[in-house]
N, C-alpha and C. Protein backbone atom coordinates (compact mmCIF):
# COMPACT_ATOMS: atom_id res chain seq x y z
N UNK A 1 98.44 111.33 81.99
CA UNK A 1 97.46 110.69 82.82
C UNK A 1 96.99 111.68 83.89
N UNK A 2 95.69 111.82 84.04
CA UNK A 2 95.11 112.76 84.98
C UNK A 2 95.12 112.17 86.39
N UNK A 3 95.51 113.02 87.38
CA UNK A 3 95.52 112.58 88.76
C UNK A 3 94.10 112.41 89.27
N UNK A 4 93.92 111.40 90.12
CA UNK A 4 92.62 111.14 90.73
C UNK A 4 92.32 112.23 91.75
N UNK A 5 91.14 112.77 91.68
CA UNK A 5 90.71 113.81 92.62
C UNK A 5 90.37 113.16 93.96
N UNK A 6 90.81 113.79 95.04
CA UNK A 6 90.55 113.27 96.38
C UNK A 6 89.72 114.30 97.12
N UNK A 7 88.62 113.85 97.69
CA UNK A 7 87.78 114.74 98.50
C UNK A 7 88.34 114.77 99.91
N UNK A 8 88.72 115.95 100.34
CA UNK A 8 89.26 116.13 101.69
C UNK A 8 88.08 116.38 102.63
N UNK A 9 88.04 115.68 103.77
CA UNK A 9 86.94 115.88 104.72
C UNK A 9 86.87 117.32 105.21
N UNK A 10 85.67 117.79 105.45
CA UNK A 10 85.49 119.16 105.94
C UNK A 10 86.23 119.40 107.24
N UNK A 11 86.31 118.40 108.11
CA UNK A 11 87.03 118.58 109.37
C UNK A 11 88.51 118.86 109.12
N UNK A 12 89.09 118.24 108.09
CA UNK A 12 90.49 118.50 107.75
C UNK A 12 90.63 119.89 107.16
N UNK A 13 89.68 120.27 106.31
CA UNK A 13 89.71 121.61 105.71
C UNK A 13 89.64 122.69 106.78
N UNK A 14 88.80 122.45 107.80
CA UNK A 14 88.68 123.44 108.88
C UNK A 14 90.01 123.64 109.61
N UNK A 15 90.76 122.57 109.76
CA UNK A 15 92.06 122.69 110.42
C UNK A 15 93.00 123.56 109.58
N UNK A 16 93.11 123.25 108.28
CA UNK A 16 94.02 124.04 107.45
C UNK A 16 93.55 125.49 107.34
N UNK A 17 92.25 125.71 107.27
CA UNK A 17 91.73 127.08 107.22
C UNK A 17 92.05 127.83 108.50
N UNK A 18 91.96 127.15 109.64
CA UNK A 18 92.28 127.79 110.92
C UNK A 18 93.76 128.14 110.99
N UNK A 19 94.62 127.23 110.54
CA UNK A 19 96.06 127.49 110.52
C UNK A 19 96.36 128.69 109.63
N UNK A 20 95.74 128.70 108.45
CA UNK A 20 95.97 129.82 107.54
C UNK A 20 95.46 131.14 108.12
N UNK A 21 94.33 131.11 108.79
CA UNK A 21 93.82 132.32 109.43
C UNK A 21 94.81 132.86 110.45
N UNK A 22 95.39 131.97 111.24
CA UNK A 22 96.41 132.37 112.22
C UNK A 22 97.63 132.94 111.51
N UNK A 23 98.07 132.29 110.44
CA UNK A 23 99.25 132.75 109.70
C UNK A 23 99.00 134.12 109.07
N UNK A 24 97.81 134.35 108.54
CA UNK A 24 97.50 135.65 107.94
C UNK A 24 97.54 136.75 109.00
N UNK A 25 97.05 136.45 110.21
CA UNK A 25 97.11 137.44 111.29
C UNK A 25 98.56 137.77 111.64
N UNK A 26 99.41 136.75 111.71
CA UNK A 26 100.83 136.96 112.00
C UNK A 26 101.45 137.83 110.92
N UNK A 27 101.19 137.50 109.67
CA UNK A 27 101.80 138.24 108.56
C UNK A 27 101.30 139.69 108.51
N UNK A 28 100.01 139.90 108.80
CA UNK A 28 99.48 141.28 108.83
C UNK A 28 100.19 142.11 109.90
N UNK A 29 100.46 141.48 111.03
CA UNK A 29 101.09 142.19 112.15
C UNK A 29 102.58 142.40 111.94
N UNK A 30 103.29 141.37 111.49
CA UNK A 30 104.75 141.45 111.40
C UNK A 30 105.27 141.83 110.03
N UNK A 31 104.50 141.53 108.97
CA UNK A 31 104.97 141.80 107.62
C UNK A 31 106.10 140.87 107.22
N UNK A 32 106.65 141.05 106.01
CA UNK A 32 107.73 140.20 105.53
C UNK A 32 109.09 140.66 106.06
N UNK A 33 110.10 139.78 105.90
CA UNK A 33 111.48 140.19 106.12
C UNK A 33 112.11 139.83 107.45
N UNK A 34 111.38 139.18 108.34
CA UNK A 34 111.95 138.80 109.62
C UNK A 34 112.49 137.37 109.58
N UNK A 35 113.17 136.98 110.64
CA UNK A 35 113.71 135.62 110.75
C UNK A 35 112.57 134.62 110.92
N UNK A 36 112.75 133.45 110.36
CA UNK A 36 111.74 132.39 110.41
C UNK A 36 111.29 132.08 111.83
N UNK A 37 112.22 132.03 112.77
CA UNK A 37 111.89 131.67 114.14
C UNK A 37 110.91 132.67 114.77
N UNK A 38 110.95 133.92 114.36
CA UNK A 38 110.02 134.91 114.89
C UNK A 38 108.60 134.64 114.41
N UNK A 39 108.45 134.24 113.16
CA UNK A 39 107.13 133.87 112.65
C UNK A 39 106.62 132.62 113.36
N UNK A 40 107.54 131.68 113.61
CA UNK A 40 107.16 130.45 114.30
C UNK A 40 106.63 130.76 115.70
N UNK A 41 107.32 131.63 116.41
CA UNK A 41 106.89 131.99 117.77
C UNK A 41 105.55 132.72 117.75
N UNK A 42 105.39 133.62 116.78
CA UNK A 42 104.13 134.37 116.68
C UNK A 42 102.98 133.43 116.29
N UNK A 43 103.24 132.50 115.38
CA UNK A 43 102.21 131.55 114.98
C UNK A 43 101.84 130.64 116.15
N UNK A 44 102.82 130.29 116.96
CA UNK A 44 102.59 129.52 118.19
C UNK A 44 101.56 130.25 119.06
N UNK A 45 101.73 131.54 119.24
CA UNK A 45 100.80 132.35 120.05
C UNK A 45 99.42 132.34 119.42
N UNK A 46 99.33 132.54 118.12
CA UNK A 46 98.03 132.56 117.44
C UNK A 46 97.32 131.22 117.53
N UNK A 47 98.06 130.13 117.36
CA UNK A 47 97.45 128.80 117.45
C UNK A 47 96.94 128.54 118.86
N UNK A 48 97.68 128.99 119.87
CA UNK A 48 97.21 128.85 121.25
C UNK A 48 95.93 129.66 121.46
N UNK A 49 95.91 130.88 120.95
CA UNK A 49 94.72 131.74 121.08
C UNK A 49 93.51 131.12 120.39
N UNK A 50 93.75 130.38 119.32
CA UNK A 50 92.67 129.73 118.57
C UNK A 50 92.32 128.36 119.16
N UNK A 51 92.96 127.99 120.25
CA UNK A 51 92.74 126.70 120.92
C UNK A 51 92.99 125.52 119.98
N UNK A 52 93.99 125.65 119.14
CA UNK A 52 94.37 124.57 118.23
C UNK A 52 95.34 123.63 118.93
N UNK A 53 95.15 122.34 118.76
CA UNK A 53 96.09 121.35 119.26
C UNK A 53 97.28 121.30 118.30
N UNK A 54 98.49 121.51 118.82
CA UNK A 54 99.66 121.49 117.95
C UNK A 54 100.91 121.20 118.75
N UNK A 55 101.95 120.79 118.02
CA UNK A 55 103.28 120.60 118.58
C UNK A 55 104.24 121.47 117.79
N UNK A 56 105.09 122.17 118.50
CA UNK A 56 106.13 122.97 117.86
C UNK A 56 107.43 122.19 117.97
N UNK A 57 108.19 122.16 116.88
CA UNK A 57 109.47 121.46 116.81
C UNK A 57 109.31 119.97 117.18
N UNK A 58 108.30 119.34 116.57
CA UNK A 58 108.05 117.92 116.84
C UNK A 58 109.13 117.06 116.20
N UNK A 59 109.69 116.18 117.00
CA UNK A 59 110.71 115.23 116.54
C UNK A 59 110.00 113.94 116.11
N UNK A 60 110.27 113.51 114.89
CA UNK A 60 109.66 112.30 114.34
C UNK A 60 110.77 111.33 113.94
N UNK A 61 110.62 110.08 114.34
CA UNK A 61 111.57 109.05 113.97
C UNK A 61 111.32 108.63 112.53
N UNK A 62 112.37 108.58 111.74
CA UNK A 62 112.28 108.18 110.34
C UNK A 62 112.74 106.73 110.23
N UNK A 63 111.92 105.93 109.54
CA UNK A 63 112.22 104.52 109.36
C UNK A 63 112.55 104.22 107.90
N UNK A 64 113.42 103.27 107.72
CA UNK A 64 113.71 102.73 106.39
C UNK A 64 113.64 101.22 106.51
N UNK A 65 112.75 100.61 105.73
CA UNK A 65 112.53 99.17 105.78
C UNK A 65 112.34 98.70 107.22
N UNK A 66 111.57 99.48 107.96
CA UNK A 66 111.22 99.12 109.32
C UNK A 66 112.29 99.40 110.36
N UNK A 67 113.41 99.98 109.95
CA UNK A 67 114.49 100.28 110.88
C UNK A 67 114.68 101.77 111.04
N UNK A 68 114.93 102.18 112.28
CA UNK A 68 115.14 103.60 112.58
C UNK A 68 116.46 104.05 111.97
N UNK A 69 116.38 105.13 111.18
CA UNK A 69 117.60 105.68 110.59
C UNK A 69 117.91 107.07 111.12
N UNK A 70 117.01 107.63 111.91
CA UNK A 70 117.27 108.95 112.48
C UNK A 70 115.98 109.67 112.78
N UNK A 71 116.13 110.92 113.14
CA UNK A 71 114.99 111.76 113.49
C UNK A 71 114.93 112.97 112.58
N UNK A 72 113.73 113.50 112.42
CA UNK A 72 113.50 114.73 111.68
C UNK A 72 112.67 115.63 112.58
N UNK A 73 112.96 116.92 112.58
CA UNK A 73 112.21 117.86 113.39
C UNK A 73 111.37 118.73 112.47
N UNK A 74 110.06 118.82 112.78
CA UNK A 74 109.14 119.63 111.99
C UNK A 74 108.84 120.93 112.73
N UNK A 75 108.67 122.01 111.98
CA UNK A 75 108.35 123.29 112.60
C UNK A 75 107.09 123.16 113.46
N UNK A 76 105.99 122.73 112.84
CA UNK A 76 104.73 122.58 113.55
C UNK A 76 103.98 121.37 113.01
N UNK A 77 103.27 120.69 113.90
CA UNK A 77 102.31 119.68 113.50
C UNK A 77 101.02 120.05 114.20
N UNK A 78 99.97 120.28 113.41
CA UNK A 78 98.70 120.75 113.94
C UNK A 78 97.67 119.63 113.89
N UNK A 79 97.02 119.40 115.02
CA UNK A 79 95.92 118.43 115.15
C UNK A 79 96.31 117.03 114.71
N UNK A 80 97.60 116.69 114.82
CA UNK A 80 98.09 115.38 114.37
C UNK A 80 97.62 115.08 112.95
N UNK A 81 97.58 116.13 112.13
CA UNK A 81 97.02 116.01 110.78
C UNK A 81 97.83 116.78 109.74
N UNK A 82 98.35 117.94 110.13
CA UNK A 82 98.98 118.86 109.18
C UNK A 82 100.41 119.19 109.61
N UNK A 83 101.35 118.94 108.71
CA UNK A 83 102.72 119.40 108.90
C UNK A 83 102.77 120.82 108.35
N UNK A 84 103.24 121.75 109.17
CA UNK A 84 103.36 123.15 108.74
C UNK A 84 104.85 123.50 108.73
N UNK A 85 105.37 123.77 107.55
CA UNK A 85 106.77 124.15 107.37
C UNK A 85 106.81 125.64 107.11
N UNK A 86 107.57 126.35 107.92
CA UNK A 86 107.66 127.81 107.81
C UNK A 86 108.95 128.20 107.11
N UNK A 87 108.84 129.20 106.25
CA UNK A 87 110.00 129.75 105.56
C UNK A 87 109.91 131.26 105.58
N UNK A 88 111.08 131.88 105.49
CA UNK A 88 111.17 133.33 105.27
C UNK A 88 112.31 133.52 104.28
N UNK A 89 111.98 133.22 103.01
CA UNK A 89 112.98 133.19 101.94
C UNK A 89 112.45 133.94 100.72
N UNK A 90 113.37 134.33 99.84
CA UNK A 90 112.98 135.10 98.67
C UNK A 90 112.01 134.34 97.77
N UNK A 91 112.29 133.06 97.52
CA UNK A 91 111.37 132.27 96.70
C UNK A 91 111.42 130.81 97.11
N UNK A 92 110.29 130.15 96.95
CA UNK A 92 110.15 128.73 97.27
C UNK A 92 110.50 127.93 96.02
N UNK A 93 111.37 126.96 96.19
CA UNK A 93 111.80 126.13 95.06
C UNK A 93 111.11 124.77 95.10
N UNK A 94 111.26 124.03 94.02
CA UNK A 94 110.75 122.65 93.97
C UNK A 94 111.38 121.81 95.08
N UNK A 95 112.63 122.12 95.43
CA UNK A 95 113.31 121.40 96.51
C UNK A 95 112.56 121.58 97.83
N UNK A 96 112.11 122.80 98.14
CA UNK A 96 111.37 123.05 99.38
C UNK A 96 110.05 122.27 99.40
N UNK A 97 109.39 122.21 98.26
CA UNK A 97 108.12 121.49 98.18
C UNK A 97 108.34 119.98 98.28
N UNK A 98 109.43 119.49 97.68
CA UNK A 98 109.76 118.07 97.80
C UNK A 98 110.10 117.74 99.26
N UNK A 99 110.75 118.66 99.93
CA UNK A 99 111.08 118.48 101.36
C UNK A 99 109.79 118.32 102.17
N UNK A 100 108.79 119.15 101.91
CA UNK A 100 107.51 119.06 102.61
C UNK A 100 106.87 117.70 102.34
N UNK A 101 106.90 117.25 101.10
CA UNK A 101 106.35 115.94 100.77
C UNK A 101 107.07 114.83 101.53
N UNK A 102 108.39 114.93 101.63
CA UNK A 102 109.15 113.96 102.41
C UNK A 102 108.78 113.98 103.88
N UNK A 103 108.54 115.16 104.42
CA UNK A 103 108.11 115.28 105.82
C UNK A 103 106.77 114.58 106.03
N UNK A 104 105.85 114.78 105.10
CA UNK A 104 104.53 114.15 105.22
C UNK A 104 104.66 112.63 105.24
N UNK A 105 105.50 112.11 104.38
CA UNK A 105 105.68 110.66 104.33
C UNK A 105 106.35 110.15 105.60
N UNK A 106 107.37 110.86 106.08
CA UNK A 106 108.08 110.44 107.29
C UNK A 106 107.16 110.46 108.51
N UNK A 107 106.27 111.45 108.56
CA UNK A 107 105.36 111.59 109.71
C UNK A 107 104.08 110.80 109.53
N UNK A 108 103.85 110.25 108.34
CA UNK A 108 102.62 109.53 108.01
C UNK A 108 101.40 110.41 108.26
N UNK A 109 101.50 111.65 107.80
CA UNK A 109 100.38 112.59 107.92
C UNK A 109 99.89 112.97 106.53
N UNK A 110 98.61 113.31 106.41
CA UNK A 110 98.04 113.52 105.08
C UNK A 110 98.18 114.92 104.49
N UNK A 111 98.33 115.94 105.32
CA UNK A 111 98.28 117.30 104.81
C UNK A 111 99.53 118.09 105.18
N UNK A 112 99.97 118.93 104.25
CA UNK A 112 101.12 119.77 104.50
C UNK A 112 100.89 121.18 104.00
N UNK A 113 101.38 122.13 104.77
CA UNK A 113 101.37 123.54 104.37
C UNK A 113 102.79 124.07 104.46
N UNK A 114 103.26 124.70 103.41
CA UNK A 114 104.50 125.45 103.45
C UNK A 114 104.09 126.90 103.39
N UNK A 115 104.50 127.67 104.39
CA UNK A 115 104.14 129.08 104.47
C UNK A 115 105.40 129.93 104.38
N UNK A 116 105.52 130.69 103.31
CA UNK A 116 106.67 131.58 103.13
C UNK A 116 106.26 133.00 103.52
N UNK A 117 106.75 133.45 104.66
CA UNK A 117 106.36 134.75 105.18
C UNK A 117 107.09 135.91 104.51
N UNK A 118 108.08 135.63 103.67
CA UNK A 118 108.84 136.71 103.03
C UNK A 118 108.20 137.11 101.69
N UNK A 119 106.90 137.37 101.74
CA UNK A 119 106.15 137.83 100.58
C UNK A 119 105.33 139.05 100.98
N UNK A 120 105.03 139.92 100.02
CA UNK A 120 104.21 141.09 100.34
C UNK A 120 102.82 140.68 100.77
N UNK A 121 102.27 139.67 100.10
CA UNK A 121 100.98 139.10 100.48
C UNK A 121 101.20 137.63 100.80
N UNK A 122 100.83 137.21 102.00
CA UNK A 122 101.05 135.81 102.38
C UNK A 122 100.33 134.85 101.45
N UNK A 123 99.24 135.30 100.82
CA UNK A 123 98.53 134.43 99.86
C UNK A 123 99.48 133.92 98.78
N UNK A 124 100.48 134.73 98.45
CA UNK A 124 101.46 134.31 97.44
C UNK A 124 102.50 133.35 98.01
N UNK A 125 102.50 133.14 99.32
CA UNK A 125 103.48 132.28 99.95
C UNK A 125 102.90 131.01 100.54
N UNK A 126 101.66 130.66 100.16
CA UNK A 126 101.01 129.46 100.70
C UNK A 126 101.08 128.33 99.68
N UNK A 127 101.62 127.19 100.12
CA UNK A 127 101.72 126.00 99.28
C UNK A 127 101.13 124.84 100.06
N UNK A 128 100.30 124.05 99.39
CA UNK A 128 99.65 122.89 100.02
C UNK A 128 100.13 121.61 99.36
N UNK A 129 100.25 120.58 100.17
CA UNK A 129 100.60 119.26 99.65
C UNK A 129 99.73 118.22 100.34
N UNK A 130 99.45 117.13 99.61
CA UNK A 130 98.62 116.03 100.10
C UNK A 130 99.43 114.74 100.02
N UNK A 131 99.38 113.95 101.08
CA UNK A 131 100.06 112.66 101.12
C UNK A 131 99.00 111.56 101.14
N UNK A 132 98.63 111.07 99.98
CA UNK A 132 97.62 110.02 99.89
C UNK A 132 98.14 108.67 100.38
N UNK A 133 99.43 108.58 100.68
CA UNK A 133 100.00 107.34 101.21
C UNK A 133 99.85 107.26 102.72
N UNK A 134 99.36 108.31 103.33
CA UNK A 134 99.19 108.33 104.79
C UNK A 134 98.20 107.25 105.22
N UNK A 135 98.45 106.69 106.39
CA UNK A 135 97.53 105.68 106.92
C UNK A 135 96.18 106.28 107.29
N UNK A 136 96.06 107.61 107.28
CA UNK A 136 94.77 108.24 107.52
C UNK A 136 93.85 108.18 106.30
N UNK A 137 94.38 107.66 105.19
CA UNK A 137 93.57 107.35 104.02
C UNK A 137 93.34 105.85 104.01
N UNK A 138 92.16 105.42 103.57
CA UNK A 138 91.93 103.98 103.47
C UNK A 138 92.62 103.47 102.19
N UNK A 139 92.64 102.16 101.97
CA UNK A 139 93.36 101.61 100.81
C UNK A 139 92.88 102.13 99.45
N UNK A 140 91.66 102.66 99.37
CA UNK A 140 91.17 103.18 98.09
C UNK A 140 91.66 104.60 97.83
N UNK A 141 92.38 105.19 98.80
CA UNK A 141 92.86 106.55 98.63
C UNK A 141 91.90 107.58 99.16
N UNK A 142 90.85 107.14 99.83
CA UNK A 142 89.89 108.07 100.42
C UNK A 142 90.22 108.27 101.89
N UNK A 143 89.89 109.45 102.45
CA UNK A 143 90.11 109.64 103.87
C UNK A 143 89.31 108.60 104.65
N UNK A 144 89.94 108.02 105.66
CA UNK A 144 89.24 107.01 106.44
C UNK A 144 88.15 107.65 107.27
N UNK A 145 87.10 106.90 107.54
CA UNK A 145 85.98 107.41 108.33
C UNK A 145 86.45 107.84 109.70
N UNK A 146 87.32 107.06 110.30
CA UNK A 146 87.81 107.38 111.64
C UNK A 146 88.50 108.75 111.65
N UNK A 147 89.43 108.96 110.72
CA UNK A 147 90.19 110.20 110.73
C UNK A 147 89.33 111.40 110.35
N UNK A 148 88.37 111.18 109.48
CA UNK A 148 87.52 112.29 109.04
C UNK A 148 86.60 112.76 110.15
N UNK A 149 86.24 111.87 111.05
CA UNK A 149 85.31 112.23 112.12
C UNK A 149 85.99 112.54 113.44
N UNK A 150 87.31 112.40 113.49
CA UNK A 150 87.99 112.63 114.77
C UNK A 150 88.00 114.12 115.11
N UNK A 151 88.04 114.39 116.40
CA UNK A 151 88.09 115.79 116.85
C UNK A 151 89.46 116.36 116.51
N UNK A 152 89.48 117.50 115.87
CA UNK A 152 90.74 118.08 115.46
C UNK A 152 91.04 119.41 116.15
N UNK A 153 90.07 119.97 116.80
CA UNK A 153 90.30 121.22 117.52
C UNK A 153 90.22 120.96 119.01
N UNK A 154 91.11 121.57 119.74
CA UNK A 154 91.13 121.42 121.18
C UNK A 154 90.08 122.36 121.78
N UNK A 155 89.40 121.90 122.80
CA UNK A 155 88.41 122.72 123.47
C UNK A 155 89.10 123.82 124.26
N UNK A 156 88.65 125.08 124.13
CA UNK A 156 89.28 126.16 124.88
C UNK A 156 89.26 125.87 126.37
N UNK A 157 90.32 126.25 127.06
CA UNK A 157 90.41 125.97 128.50
C UNK A 157 90.02 127.16 129.33
């Protein structure tokens, strides 16, 4: 059975493109092989320079059947839209991608990026995931008008 194609709003695409642009700058400067936390700190600087709204190490409460079962901490959440999971590992496994999908569901966010900085070319370390169960999609599985038109970039100060 073929998966239904989902059109992602341009405003959402701009956010992920901006995040990736920042990540590529970090990777060009630092290269592969460093600790994950160093890439996280450098990406934090790049996102600030790009005037992106984001939270680093955001704690999200996880619910099961409406009851709190604990918290999960995400590396980055950008524009209240994209969970960004950073890695600096030899290879990304299906487990890592399933983890990102779980994060998206727990945070009720539609977009996820897993960025593995331990690659010669960061393009080989970019993985995207979509959570069509997010409340930012309407019941038909399309992005809601509200979320598609919301401001996603912070105005430079």
